[in-house]
Amino acid sequence: MLLASDVGGTKTLLGLFERAKQRPRPVTIHSYSTGRFTSFSEILDAFAQDVGHPFDVDAAAAGVAGPVTGDRARLTHIPWEVSAGEMTARFSTTRVRLLNDLEAMAASADLLTPDEVAVLQQGVARTDGNAAILAAGTGLGQAYLHRVDGRLRPMASEGGHGDFAPRTDREVELWRMLHDEYGRVEVEHILCGPGLLNLHRFTHGLRECVALRGVAAASGPAAISQAALSARCPECVEALAIFVSVYGAEAGNLALRAVATSGVYIGGGMAPRILPAIQDGRFIEAFRAKGAMSALVAQVPVRVILNPEAALLGAAVCAQEMSLEP
């Protein structure tokens, strides 16, 4: 069996997979609220109990929402650490690897079926080019896929913590508000769930928002998105419009940094939920607005990943590759 994990700041997925020719086959998958546990080991124990029968693990891989150093990773948005040794100790396998969660998601990109993606820009995918992926959720993740010996190989990045560069007068106003609060303004201060809350405060000022009346803080981004998509609140509409435009611009920046002529993938939990706003043209307009490089990015395929288990699948792909090593 292959053990795959996708350890996020909000939710953690664990699954057992069987080896297959290219795409590992899922046997069982379980979801856990990360904040209800005090360690990754506790989640591993809960998973073993939930599976309910003994199983042998040939190889294990975990995508973690934070930077990976050696065999350890510290999650960015919750205060605990994940180590490869936790999986080795629990399942008695030495074939273990930790990945950044976007690195894991990137490993699934080549295996996604047409019904698991939504095309934003058809483009012309080059078979000798690189690709890239970014995903807004609890935070903003980014990763590269470099073409090596004919295959796309994932490479981790912490680019979501790069500096935010405003492009319009309105975005300059937003930058000033965030600069007063944070000092240094990161792209992630805008492109994630908490970032949408920042945009909501920016567009509303001191005005009350009926869309958030009685809504728990954790549900705020979803409530803002729903109010914007249904046009119930003009300020929510503007907040989501800025979000989508900045998202498109940052995706275009990543396409340039990676020279992603094989494609850019948009992952994470937020994009599928606000897909109508991402498909209305603003995202691709910002993606293409790259001056001398506009013609280049206009040819880059852009797809939204609809499969919510893409990072788990990518971790399983990594585990499968390890299991086939001599």
C-alpha atoms as a PDB file:
ATOM      1  CA  MET A   1       0.000   0.000   0.000  1.00  0.00           C
ATOM      2  CA  LEU A   2       0.970   3.620  -0.565  1.00  0.00           C
ATOM      3  CA  LEU A   3       0.205   6.172   2.148  1.00  0.00           C
ATOM      4  CA  ALA A   4      -0.456   9.736   1.011  1.00  0.00           C
ATOM      5  CA  SER A   5      -1.152  12.804   3.136  1.00  0.00           C
ATOM      6  CA  ASP A   6      -2.172  16.381   2.393  1.00  0.00           C
ATOM      7  CA  VAL A   7      -1.596  18.344   5.606  1.00  0.00           C
ATOM      8  CA  GLY A   8      -3.251  21.748   5.458  1.00  0.00           C
ATOM      9  CA  GLY A   9      -3.836  24.554   7.921  1.00  0.00           C
ATOM     10  CA  THR A  10      -7.579  23.849   7.935  1.00  0.00           C
ATOM     11  CA  LYS A  11      -8.017  20.285   6.690  1.00  0.00           C
ATOM     12  CA  THR A  12      -5.821  17.192   6.459  1.00  0.00           C
ATOM     13  CA  LEU A  13      -6.477  14.325   4.026  1.00  0.00           C
ATOM     14  CA  LEU A  14      -4.962  10.865   4.377  1.00  0.00           C
ATOM     15  CA  GLY A  15      -5.388   8.034   1.943  1.00  0.00           C
ATOM     16  CA  LEU A  16      -4.246   4.551   1.052  1.00  0.00           C
ATOM     17  CA  PHE A  17      -3.515   3.936  -2.616  1.00  0.00           C
ATOM     18  CA  GLU A  18      -2.579   0.963  -4.778  1.00  0.00           C
ATOM     19  CA  ARG A  19       0.135   1.185  -7.392  1.00  0.00           C
ATOM     20  CA  ALA A  20      -1.026   1.592 -10.986  1.00  0.00           C
ATOM     21  CA  LYS A  21       0.674   2.250 -14.303  1.00  0.00           C
ATOM     22  CA  GLN A  22       0.587   6.050 -13.961  1.00  0.00           C
ATOM     23  CA  ARG A  23      -2.068   7.263 -11.571  1.00  0.00           C
ATOM     24  CA  PRO A  24      -2.244   5.441  -8.211  1.00  0.00           C
ATOM     25  CA  ARG A  25      -5.689   4.011  -7.397  1.00  0.00           C
ATOM     26  CA  PRO A  26      -7.344   5.236  -4.166  1.00  0.00           C
ATOM     27  CA  VAL A  27      -8.436   2.535  -1.729  1.00  0.00           C
ATOM     28  CA  THR A  28      -9.679   4.674   1.158  1.00  0.00           C
ATOM     29  CA  ILE A  29      -9.491   8.400   1.943  1.00  0.00           C
ATOM     30  CA  HIS A  30     -10.307  10.151   5.218  1.00  0.00           C
ATOM     31  CA  SER A  31     -10.566  13.852   6.039  1.00  0.00           C
ATOM     32  CA  TYR A  32      -9.687  15.487   9.378  1.00  0.00           C
ATOM     33  CA  SER A  33      -9.979  18.987  10.817  1.00  0.00           C
ATOM     34  CA  THR A  34      -6.320  19.864  11.425  1.00  0.00           C
ATOM     35  CA  GLY A  35      -7.020  22.213  14.328  1.00  0.00           C
ATOM     36  CA  ARG A  36      -8.674  19.439  16.354  1.00  0.00           C
ATOM     37  CA  PHE A  37      -5.366  17.623  16.713  1.00  0.00           C
ATOM     38  CA  THR A  38      -2.161  18.586  18.477  1.00  0.00           C
ATOM     39  CA  SER A  39       0.221  16.758  16.135  1.00  0.00           C
ATOM     40  CA  PHE A  40       0.490  14.902  12.840  1.00  0.00           C
ATOM     41  CA  SER A  41       1.083  11.686  14.791  1.00  0.00           C
ATOM     42  CA  GLU A  42      -2.358  12.025  16.370  1.00  0.00           C
ATOM     43  CA  ILE A  43      -3.932  12.275  12.910  1.00  0.00           C
ATOM     44  CA  LEU A  44      -1.960   9.223  11.738  1.00  0.00           C
ATOM     45  CA  ASP A  45      -3.270   7.274  14.730  1.00  0.00           C
ATOM     46  CA  ALA A  46      -6.831   8.398  14.011  1.00  0.00           C
ATOM     47  CA  PHE A  47      -6.455   7.332  10.388  1.00  0.00           C
ATOM     48  CA  ALA A  48      -5.146   3.874  11.337  1.00  0.00           C
ATOM     49  CA  GLN A  49      -8.088   3.474  13.678  1.00  0.00           C
ATOM     50  CA  ASP A  50     -10.593   4.653  11.076  1.00  0.00           C
ATOM     51  CA  VAL A  51      -9.234   2.245   8.443  1.00  0.00           C
ATOM     52  CA  GLY A  52     -10.030  -0.462  10.935  1.00  0.00           C
ATOM     53  CA  HIS A  53      -7.814  -3.261   9.630  1.00  0.00           C
ATOM     54  CA  PRO A  54      -4.041  -3.871   9.462  1.00  0.00           C
ATOM     55  CA  PHE A  55      -2.194  -2.679   6.376  1.00  0.00           C
ATOM     56  CA  ASP A  56       1.423  -2.573   5.248  1.00  0.00           C
ATOM     57  CA  VAL A  57       2.888   0.643   3.851  1.00  0.00           C
ATOM     58  CA  ASP A  58       5.489   0.303   1.105  1.00  0.00           C
ATOM     59  CA  ALA A  59       6.099   4.062   0.844  1.00  0.00           C
ATOM     60  CA  ALA A  60       4.607   7.227   2.313  1.00  0.00           C
ATOM     61  CA  ALA A  61       4.590  10.852   1.208  1.00  0.00           C
ATOM     62  CA  ALA A  62       3.022  13.907   2.804  1.00  0.00           C
ATOM     63  CA  GLY A  63       2.389  17.317   1.298  1.00  0.00           C
ATOM     64  CA  VAL A  64       2.605  19.952   4.043  1.00  0.00           C
ATOM     65  CA  ALA A  65       1.361  23.545   3.953  1.00  0.00           C
ATOM     66  CA  GLY A  66       4.687  25.091   4.875  1.00  0.00           C
ATOM     67  CA  PRO A  67       8.385  25.078   3.979  1.00  0.00           C
ATOM     68  CA  VAL A  68      10.143  21.697   4.080  1.00  0.00           C
ATOM     69  CA  THR A  69      13.709  21.492   5.349  1.00  0.00           C
ATOM     70  CA  GLY A  70      15.244  18.037   5.178  1.00  0.00           C
ATOM     71  CA  ASP A  71      12.826  15.626   6.812  1.00  0.00           C
ATOM     72  CA  ARG A  72      10.886  18.269   8.749  1.00  0.00           C
ATOM     73  CA  ALA A  73       8.243  20.845   7.877  1.00  0.00           C
ATOM     74  CA  ARG A  74       6.655  23.596   9.934  1.00  0.00           C
ATOM     75  CA  LEU A  75       3.108  24.536   8.999  1.00  0.00           C
ATOM     76  CA  THR A  76       2.705  28.222   8.215  1.00  0.00           C
ATOM     77  CA  HIS A  77      -0.740  28.785   9.692  1.00  0.00           C
ATOM     78  CA  ILE A  78      -0.835  26.458  12.706  1.00  0.00           C
ATOM     79  CA  PRO A  79       1.899  26.073  15.332  1.00  0.00           C
ATOM     80  CA  TRP A  80       3.087  22.531  14.808  1.00  0.00           C
ATOM     81  CA  GLU A  81       5.733  20.615  12.982  1.00  0.00           C
ATOM     82  CA  VAL A  82       5.589  17.505  10.800  1.00  0.00           C
ATOM     83  CA  SER A  83       8.472  15.051  10.494  1.00  0.00           C
ATOM     84  CA  ALA A  84       9.107  12.101   8.203  1.00  0.00           C
ATOM     85  CA  GLY A  85       9.985  10.124  11.323  1.00  0.00           C
ATOM     86  CA  GLU A  86       6.354  10.230  12.455  1.00  0.00           C
ATOM     87  CA  MET A  87       5.316   8.166   9.431  1.00  0.00           C
ATOM     88  CA  THR A  88       8.339   5.859   9.749  1.00  0.00           C
ATOM     89  CA  ALA A  89       7.579   5.161  13.416  1.00  0.00           C
ATOM     90  CA  ARG A  90       3.850   4.592  12.867  1.00  0.00           C
ATOM     91  CA  PHE A  91       4.005   2.448   9.715  1.00  0.00           C
ATOM     92  CA  SER A  92       7.513   0.910   9.771  1.00  0.00           C
ATOM     93  CA  THR A  93       8.634   2.125   6.352  1.00  0.00           C
ATOM     94  CA  THR A  94      11.876   3.904   5.517  1.00  0.00           C
ATOM     95  CA  ARG A  95      10.570   5.103   2.137  1.00  0.00           C
ATOM     96  CA  VAL A  96       9.151   8.388   3.377  1.00  0.00           C
ATOM     97  CA  ARG A  97       9.209  11.899   1.952  1.00  0.00           C
ATOM     98  CA  LEU A  98       7.856  15.283   2.954  1.00  0.00           C
ATOM     99  CA  LEU A  99       6.827  17.773   0.250  1.00  0.00           C
ATOM    100  CA  ASN A 100       5.485  21.261   0.280  1.00  0.00           C
ATOM    101  CA  ASP A 101       1.730  20.955  -0.370  1.00  0.00           C
ATOM    102  CA  LEU A 102       1.954  22.823  -3.696  1.00  0.00           C
ATOM    103  CA  GLU A 103       4.863  20.620  -4.733  1.00  0.00           C
ATOM    104  CA  ALA A 104       2.576  17.653  -4.057  1.00  0.00           C
ATOM    105  CA  MET A 105      -0.295  19.243  -5.977  1.00  0.00           C
ATOM    106  CA  ALA A 106       2.045  19.935  -8.880  1.00  0.00           C
ATOM    107  CA  ALA A 107       2.918  16.240  -9.052  1.00  0.00           C
ATOM    108  CA  SER A 108      -0.705  15.513  -9.980  1.00  0.00           C
ATOM    109  CA  ALA A 109      -1.000  18.100 -12.767  1.00  0.00           C
ATOM    110  CA  ASP A 110       0.030  15.833 -15.646  1.00  0.00           C
ATOM    111  CA  LEU A 111      -2.432  13.131 -14.526  1.00  0.00           C
ATOM    112  CA  LEU A 112      -5.622  15.184 -14.229  1.00  0.00           C
ATOM    113  CA  THR A 113      -8.427  14.258 -16.614  1.00  0.00           C
ATOM    114  CA  PRO A 114     -10.381  16.848 -18.661  1.00  0.00           C
ATOM    115  CA  ASP A 115     -13.327  16.710 -16.247  1.00  0.00           C
ATOM    116  CA  GLU A 116     -10.997  17.573 -13.343  1.00  0.00           C
ATOM    117  CA  VAL A 117     -10.020  20.985 -14.751  1.00  0.00           C
ATOM    118  CA  ALA A 118     -11.774  24.080 -16.091  1.00  0.00           C
ATOM    119  CA  VAL A 119     -10.028  25.811 -19.000  1.00  0.00           C
ATOM    120  CA  LEU A 120      -9.582  29.584 -18.629  1.00  0.00           C
ATOM    121  CA  GLN A 121      -7.236  29.980 -21.597  1.00  0.00           C
ATOM    122  CA  GLN A 122      -6.713  27.221 -24.132  1.00  0.00           C
ATOM    123  CA  GLY A 123      -3.299  28.468 -25.206  1.00  0.00           C
ATOM    124  CA  VAL A 124      -0.798  26.257 -26.987  1.00  0.00           C
ATOM    125  CA  ALA A 125       0.919  23.810 -24.641  1.00  0.00           C
ATOM    126  CA  ARG A 126       4.538  23.141 -25.560  1.00  0.00           C
ATOM    127  CA  THR A 127       5.780  19.631 -24.866  1.00  0.00           C
ATOM    128  CA  ASP A 128       9.268  20.980 -24.150  1.00  0.00           C
ATOM    129  CA  GLY A 129       8.176  23.749 -21.760  1.00  0.00           C
ATOM    130  CA  ASN A 130       7.839  24.256 -18.019  1.00  0.00           C
ATOM    131  CA  ALA A 131       4.640  24.661 -16.019  1.00  0.00           C
ATOM    132  CA  ALA A 132       3.621  26.289 -12.758  1.00  0.00           C
ATOM    133  CA  ILE A 133       0.876  26.131 -10.160  1.00  0.00           C
ATOM    134  CA  LEU A 134      -0.565  28.499  -7.564  1.00  0.00           C
ATOM    135  CA  ALA A 135      -3.372  27.934  -5.104  1.00  0.00           C
ATOM    136  CA  ALA A 136      -5.292  30.244  -2.790  1.00  0.00           C
ATOM    137  CA  GLY A 137      -6.890  28.700   0.281  1.00  0.00           C
ATOM    138  CA  THR A 138      -5.947  29.133   3.929  1.00  0.00           C
ATOM    139  CA  GLY A 139      -2.780  30.707   2.481  1.00  0.00           C
ATOM    140  CA  LEU A 140      -1.280  31.188  -0.981  1.00  0.00           C
ATOM    141  CA  GLY A 141       0.956  28.423  -2.316  1.00  0.00           C
ATOM    142  CA  GLN A 142       3.094  28.359  -5.441  1.00  0.00           C
ATOM    143  CA  ALA A 143       5.282  25.751  -7.128  1.00  0.00           C
ATOM    144  CA  TYR A 144       7.163  25.221 -10.373  1.00  0.00           C
ATOM    145  CA  LEU A 145       7.237  22.261 -12.729  1.00  0.00           C
ATOM    146  CA  HIS A 146      10.565  22.150 -14.564  1.00  0.00           C
ATOM    147  CA  ARG A 147      10.922  20.010 -17.684  1.00  0.00           C
ATOM    148  CA  VAL A 148      13.695  17.488 -16.992  1.00  0.00           C
ATOM    149  CA  ASP A 149      14.408  14.605 -19.401  1.00  0.00           C
ATOM    150  CA  GLY A 150      11.001  15.076 -20.974  1.00  0.00           C
ATOM    151  CA  ARG A 151       9.067  15.023 -17.673  1.00  0.00           C
ATOM    152  CA  LEU A 152       7.638  17.809 -15.534  1.00  0.00           C
ATOM    153  CA  ARG A 153       9.373  17.719 -12.144  1.00  0.00           C
ATOM    154  CA  PRO A 154       7.824  19.694  -9.243  1.00  0.00           C
ATOM    155  CA  MET A 155       9.932  22.254  -7.382  1.00  0.00           C
ATOM    156  CA  ALA A 156       8.739  23.870  -4.163  1.00  0.00           C
ATOM    157  CA  SER A 157       8.412  27.630  -3.696  1.00  0.00           C
ATOM    158  CA  GLU A 158       7.350  30.077  -0.996  1.00  0.00           C
ATOM    159  CA  GLY A 159       6.461  32.672  -3.619  1.00  0.00           C
ATOM    160  CA  GLY A 160       3.101  33.377  -1.983  1.00  0.00           C
ATOM    161  CA  HIS A 161       5.024  35.395   0.588  1.00  0.00           C
ATOM    162  CA  GLY A 162       6.540  37.617  -2.105  1.00  0.00           C
ATOM    163  CA  ASP A 163       5.848  41.348  -2.156  1.00  0.00           C
ATOM    164  CA  PHE A 164       2.532  42.654  -3.477  1.00  0.00           C
ATOM    165  CA  ALA A 165       2.947  45.187  -6.301  1.00  0.00           C
ATOM    166  CA  PRO A 166      -0.179  47.333  -6.880  1.00  0.00           C
ATOM    167  CA  ARG A 167      -1.094  48.051 -10.508  1.00  0.00           C
ATOM    168  CA  THR A 168      -3.971  50.536 -10.200  1.00  0.00           C
ATOM    169  CA  ASP A 169      -4.777  53.585  -8.077  1.00  0.00           C
ATOM    170  CA  ARG A 170      -7.325  51.520  -6.136  1.00  0.00           C
ATOM    171  CA  GLU A 171      -4.729  48.834  -5.450  1.00  0.00           C
ATOM    172  CA  VAL A 172      -2.316  51.531  -4.252  1.00  0.00           C
ATOM    173  CA  GLU A 173      -4.974  52.526  -1.695  1.00  0.00           C
ATOM    174  CA  LEU A 174      -5.269  48.868  -0.692  1.00  0.00           C
ATOM    175  CA  TRP A 175      -1.480  48.597  -0.382  1.00  0.00           C
ATOM    176  CA  ARG A 176      -1.414  51.633   1.933  1.00  0.00           C
ATOM    177  CA  MET A 177      -4.064  50.117   4.223  1.00  0.00           C
ATOM    178  CA  LEU A 178      -2.217  46.803   4.404  1.00  0.00           C
ATOM    179  CA  HIS A 179       1.140  48.544   4.850  1.00  0.00           C
ATOM    180  CA  ASP A 180      -0.241  50.424   7.861  1.00  0.00           C
ATOM    181  CA  GLU A 181      -1.332  47.108   9.372  1.00  0.00           C
ATOM    182  CA  TYR A 182       1.453  44.708   8.392  1.00  0.00           C
ATOM    183  CA  GLY A 183       4.435  46.850   7.470  1.00  0.00           C
ATOM    184  CA  ARG A 184       5.510  44.651   4.578  1.00  0.00           C
ATOM    185  CA  VAL A 185       2.660  43.710   2.241  1.00  0.00           C
ATOM    186  CA  GLU A 186       2.710  40.139   0.895  1.00  0.00           C
ATOM    187  CA  VAL A 187       0.688  38.756  -1.993  1.00  0.00           C
ATOM    188  CA  GLU A 188      -0.793  36.328   0.543  1.00  0.00           C
ATOM    189  CA  HIS A 189      -2.286  39.272   2.442  1.00  0.00           C
ATOM    190  CA  ILE A 190      -4.743  39.442  -0.473  1.00  0.00           C
ATOM    191  CA  LEU A 191      -4.854  36.029  -2.164  1.00  0.00           C
ATOM    192  CA  CYS A 192      -6.254  33.643   0.443  1.00  0.00           C
ATOM    193  CA  GLY A 193      -9.303  33.342   2.680  1.00  0.00           C
ATOM    194  CA  PRO A 194      -8.009  35.835   5.284  1.00  0.00           C
ATOM    195  CA  GLY A 195      -6.887  38.017   2.358  1.00  0.00           C
ATOM    196  CA  LEU A 196     -10.470  38.230   1.102  1.00  0.00           C
ATOM    197  CA  LEU A 197     -11.413  39.427   4.587  1.00  0.00           C
ATOM    198  CA  ASN A 198      -8.751  42.146   4.221  1.00  0.00           C
ATOM    199  CA  LEU A 199     -10.309  43.162   0.906  1.00  0.00           C
ATOM    200  CA  HIS A 200     -13.738  43.194   2.532  1.00  0.00           C
ATOM    201  CA  ARG A 201     -12.516  45.616   5.217  1.00  0.00           C
ATOM    202  CA  PHE A 202     -10.929  47.753   2.523  1.00  0.00           C
ATOM    203  CA  THR A 203     -14.053  48.060   0.366  1.00  0.00           C
ATOM    204  CA  HIS A 204     -16.461  48.516   3.298  1.00  0.00           C
ATOM    205  CA  GLY A 205     -14.466  50.893   5.479  1.00  0.00           C
ATOM    206  CA  LEU A 206     -16.587  51.517   8.582  1.00  0.00           C
ATOM    207  CA  ARG A 207     -19.824  50.424   6.897  1.00  0.00           C
ATOM    208  CA  GLU A 208     -21.565  47.325   8.205  1.00  0.00           C
ATOM    209  CA  CYS A 209     -21.975  44.424   5.790  1.00  0.00           C
ATOM    210  CA  VAL A 210     -25.274  42.569   5.966  1.00  0.00           C
ATOM    211  CA  ALA A 211     -23.619  39.563   4.287  1.00  0.00           C
ATOM    212  CA  LEU A 212     -21.483  38.977   7.406  1.00  0.00           C
ATOM    213  CA  ARG A 213     -24.197  39.631   9.983  1.00  0.00           C
ATOM    214  CA  GLY A 214     -24.248  36.636  12.334  1.00  0.00           C
ATOM    215  CA  VAL A 215     -21.598  34.774  10.303  1.00  0.00           C
ATOM    216  CA  ALA A 216     -18.753  33.032  12.143  1.00  0.00           C
ATOM    217  CA  ALA A 217     -15.271  34.354  11.336  1.00  0.00           C
ATOM    218  CA  ALA A 218     -14.219  31.076   9.724  1.00  0.00           C
ATOM    219  CA  SER A 219     -17.154  31.310   7.308  1.00  0.00           C
ATOM    220  CA  GLY A 220     -16.484  34.939   6.413  1.00  0.00           C
ATOM    221  CA  PRO A 221     -14.677  34.383   3.088  1.00  0.00           C
ATOM    222  CA  ALA A 222     -17.415  32.055   1.844  1.00  0.00           C
ATOM    223  CA  ALA A 223     -20.136  34.530   2.866  1.00  0.00           C
ATOM    224  CA  ILE A 224     -18.327  37.384   1.082  1.00  0.00           C
ATOM    225  CA  SER A 225     -17.938  35.288  -2.067  1.00  0.00           C
ATOM    226  CA  GLN A 226     -21.607  34.289  -2.067  1.00  0.00           C
ATOM    227  CA  ALA A 227     -22.741  37.892  -1.543  1.00  0.00           C
ATOM    228  CA  ALA A 228     -20.497  38.996  -4.409  1.00  0.00           C
ATOM    229  CA  LEU A 229     -21.571  36.253  -6.825  1.00  0.00           C
ATOM    230  CA  SER A 230     -25.250  36.989  -6.128  1.00  0.00           C
ATOM    231  CA  ALA A 231     -24.619  40.772  -6.327  1.00  0.00           C
ATOM    232  CA  ARG A 232     -26.276  41.288  -2.938  1.00  0.00           C
ATOM    233  CA  CYS A 233     -23.576  43.671  -1.707  1.00  0.00           C
ATOM    234  CA  PRO A 234     -21.746  46.151  -3.990  1.00  0.00           C
ATOM    235  CA  GLU A 235     -18.740  46.326  -1.671  1.00  0.00           C
ATOM    236  CA  CYS A 236     -18.461  42.514  -1.642  1.00  0.00           C
ATOM    237  CA  VAL A 237     -18.646  42.598  -5.447  1.00  0.00           C
ATOM    238  CA  GLU A 238     -15.708  45.009  -5.521  1.00  0.00           C
ATOM    239  CA  ALA A 239     -13.738  42.948  -2.981  1.00  0.00           C
ATOM    240  CA  LEU A 240     -14.084  39.805  -5.082  1.00  0.00           C
ATOM    241  CA  ALA A 241     -13.324  41.727  -8.293  1.00  0.00           C
ATOM    242  CA  ILE A 242     -10.023  42.970  -6.815  1.00  0.00           C
ATOM    243  CA  PHE A 243      -9.248  39.453  -5.568  1.00  0.00           C
ATOM    244  CA  VAL A 244      -9.776  37.927  -9.012  1.00  0.00           C
ATOM    245  CA  SER A 245      -7.774  40.622 -10.794  1.00  0.00           C
ATOM    246  CA  VAL A 246      -4.820  40.345  -8.388  1.00  0.00           C
ATOM    247  CA  TYR A 247      -5.032  36.537  -8.678  1.00  0.00           C
ATOM    248  CA  GLY A 248      -4.807  36.763 -12.467  1.00  0.00           C
ATOM    249  CA  ALA A 249      -1.897  39.206 -12.303  1.00  0.00           C
ATOM    250  CA  GLU A 250       0.044  36.988  -9.894  1.00  0.00           C
ATOM    251  CA  ALA A 251      -0.653  33.915 -12.049  1.00  0.00           C
ATOM    252  CA  GLY A 252       0.773  35.840 -15.009  1.00  0.00           C
ATOM    253  CA  ASN A 253       3.829  36.800 -12.946  1.00  0.00           C
ATOM    254  CA  LEU A 254       4.376  33.143 -12.096  1.00  0.00           C
ATOM    255  CA  ALA A 255       4.003  32.194 -15.769  1.00  0.00           C
ATOM    256  CA  LEU A 256       6.805  34.628 -16.598  1.00  0.00           C
ATOM    257  CA  ARG A 257       9.075  33.480 -13.771  1.00  0.00           C
ATOM    258  CA  ALA A 258       8.715  29.844 -14.792  1.00  0.00           C
ATOM    259  CA  VAL A 259       8.446  30.490 -18.546  1.00  0.00           C
ATOM    260  CA  ALA A 260       5.443  28.188 -18.161  1.00  0.00           C
ATOM    261  CA  THR A 261       4.802  27.427 -21.819  1.00  0.00           C
ATOM    262  CA  SER A 262       3.353  24.035 -20.837  1.00  0.00           C
ATOM    263  CA  GLY A 263       0.682  25.674 -18.693  1.00  0.00           C
ATOM    264  CA  VAL A 264      -0.334  27.346 -15.453  1.00  0.00           C
ATOM    265  CA  TYR A 265      -2.641  25.545 -13.032  1.00  0.00           C
ATOM    266  CA  ILE A 266      -4.864  27.275 -10.464  1.00  0.00           C
ATOM    267  CA  GLY A 267      -5.442  25.019  -7.468  1.00  0.00           C
ATOM    268  CA  GLY A 268      -6.703  25.390  -3.922  1.00  0.00           C
ATOM    269  CA  GLY A 269     -10.142  25.483  -2.385  1.00  0.00           C
ATOM    270  CA  MET A 270     -11.141  29.013  -3.347  1.00  0.00           C
ATOM    271  CA  ALA A 271     -10.978  28.931  -7.151  1.00  0.00           C
ATOM    272  CA  PRO A 272     -13.698  26.288  -7.721  1.00  0.00           C
ATOM    273  CA  ARG A 273     -16.020  28.125  -5.321  1.00  0.00           C
ATOM    274  CA  ILE A 274     -15.673  31.451  -7.154  1.00  0.00           C
ATOM    275  CA  LEU A 275     -15.326  29.958 -10.634  1.00  0.00           C
ATOM    276  CA  PRO A 276     -17.961  32.225 -12.271  1.00  0.00           C
ATOM    277  CA  ALA A 277     -15.968  35.293 -11.192  1.00  0.00           C
ATOM    278  CA  ILE A 278     -12.699  33.757 -12.405  1.00  0.00           C
ATOM    279  CA  GLN A 279     -14.295  32.913 -15.758  1.00  0.00           C
ATOM    280  CA  ASP A 280     -15.795  36.368 -16.431  1.00  0.00           C
ATOM    281  CA  GLY A 281     -12.654  37.684 -18.140  1.00  0.00           C
ATOM    282  CA  ARG A 282     -10.975  39.753 -15.411  1.00  0.00           C
ATOM    283  CA  PHE A 283      -8.586  36.986 -14.394  1.00  0.00           C
ATOM    284  CA  ILE A 284      -7.269  36.389 -17.913  1.00  0.00           C
ATOM    285  CA  GLU A 285      -7.190  40.118 -18.676  1.00  0.00           C
ATOM    286  CA  ALA A 286      -4.840  40.642 -15.711  1.00  0.00           C
ATOM    287  CA  PHE A 287      -2.924  37.469 -16.580  1.00  0.00           C
ATOM    288  CA  ARG A 288      -2.164  38.766 -20.078  1.00  0.00           C
ATOM    289  CA  ALA A 289      -1.344  42.382 -19.121  1.00  0.00           C
ATOM    290  CA  LYS A 290       2.431  41.901 -19.164  1.00  0.00           C
ATOM    291  CA  GLY A 291       3.688  44.566 -21.541  1.00  0.00           C
ATOM    292  CA  ALA A 292       6.391  43.205 -23.838  1.00  0.00           C
ATOM    293  CA  MET A 293       5.610  39.677 -22.635  1.00  0.00           C
ATOM    294  CA  SER A 294       1.854  39.852 -23.298  1.00  0.00           C
ATOM    295  CA  ALA A 295       2.124  37.790 -26.489  1.00  0.00           C
ATOM    296  CA  LEU A 296       4.038  35.081 -24.621  1.00  0.00           C
ATOM    297  CA  VAL A 297       1.543  34.694 -21.756  1.00  0.00           C
ATOM    298  CA  ALA A 298      -1.396  34.828 -24.194  1.00  0.00           C
ATOM    299  CA  GLN A 299      -0.196  31.436 -25.486  1.00  0.00           C
ATOM    300  CA  VAL A 300       0.103  29.840 -22.022  1.00  0.00           C
ATOM    301  CA  PRO A 301      -2.651  27.314 -21.206  1.00  0.00           C
ATOM    302  CA  VAL A 302      -4.419  28.229 -17.946  1.00  0.00           C
ATOM    303  CA  ARG A 303      -6.564  25.711 -16.093  1.00  0.00           C
ATOM    304  CA  VAL A 304      -8.396  25.634 -12.757  1.00  0.00           C
ATOM    305  CA  ILE A 305      -8.031  22.352 -10.862  1.00  0.00           C
ATOM    306  CA  LEU A 306     -11.489  21.117  -9.819  1.00  0.00           C
ATOM    307  CA  ASN A 307     -10.332  17.928  -8.076  1.00  0.00           C
ATOM    308  CA  PRO A 308     -10.221  18.774  -4.324  1.00  0.00           C
ATOM    309  CA  GLU A 309      -7.868  15.842  -3.728  1.00  0.00           C
ATOM    310  CA  ALA A 310      -5.205  16.857  -6.254  1.00  0.00           C
ATOM    311  CA  ALA A 311      -2.503  17.388  -3.606  1.00  0.00           C
ATOM    312  CA  LEU A 312      -3.296  14.010  -2.046  1.00  0.00           C
ATOM    313  CA  LEU A 313      -3.039  12.379  -5.468  1.00  0.00           C
ATOM    314  CA  GLY A 314       0.304  14.107  -6.033  1.00  0.00           C
ATOM    315  CA  ALA A 315       1.604  12.773  -2.721  1.00  0.00           C
ATOM    316  CA  ALA A 316       0.491   9.296  -3.787  1.00  0.00           C
ATOM    317  CA  VAL A 317       2.387   9.736  -7.084  1.00  0.00           C
ATOM    318  CA  CYS A 318       5.508  10.569  -5.081  1.00  0.00           C
ATOM    319  CA  ALA A 319       4.994   7.537  -2.827  1.00  0.00           C
ATOM    320  CA  GLN A 320       4.537   5.309  -5.867  1.00  0.00           C
ATOM    321  CA  GLU A 321       7.801   6.529  -7.403  1.00  0.00           C
ATOM    322  CA  MET A 322       9.627   5.745  -4.149  1.00  0.00           C
ATOM    323  CA  SER A 323       8.058   2.288  -3.947  1.00  0.00           C
ATOM    324  CA  LEU A 324       9.466   1.427  -7.391  1.00  0.00           C
ATOM    325  CA  GLU A 325      13.007   2.418  -6.495  1.00  0.00           C
ATOM    326  CA  PRO A 326      15.470  -0.485  -6.129  1.00  0.00           C
END
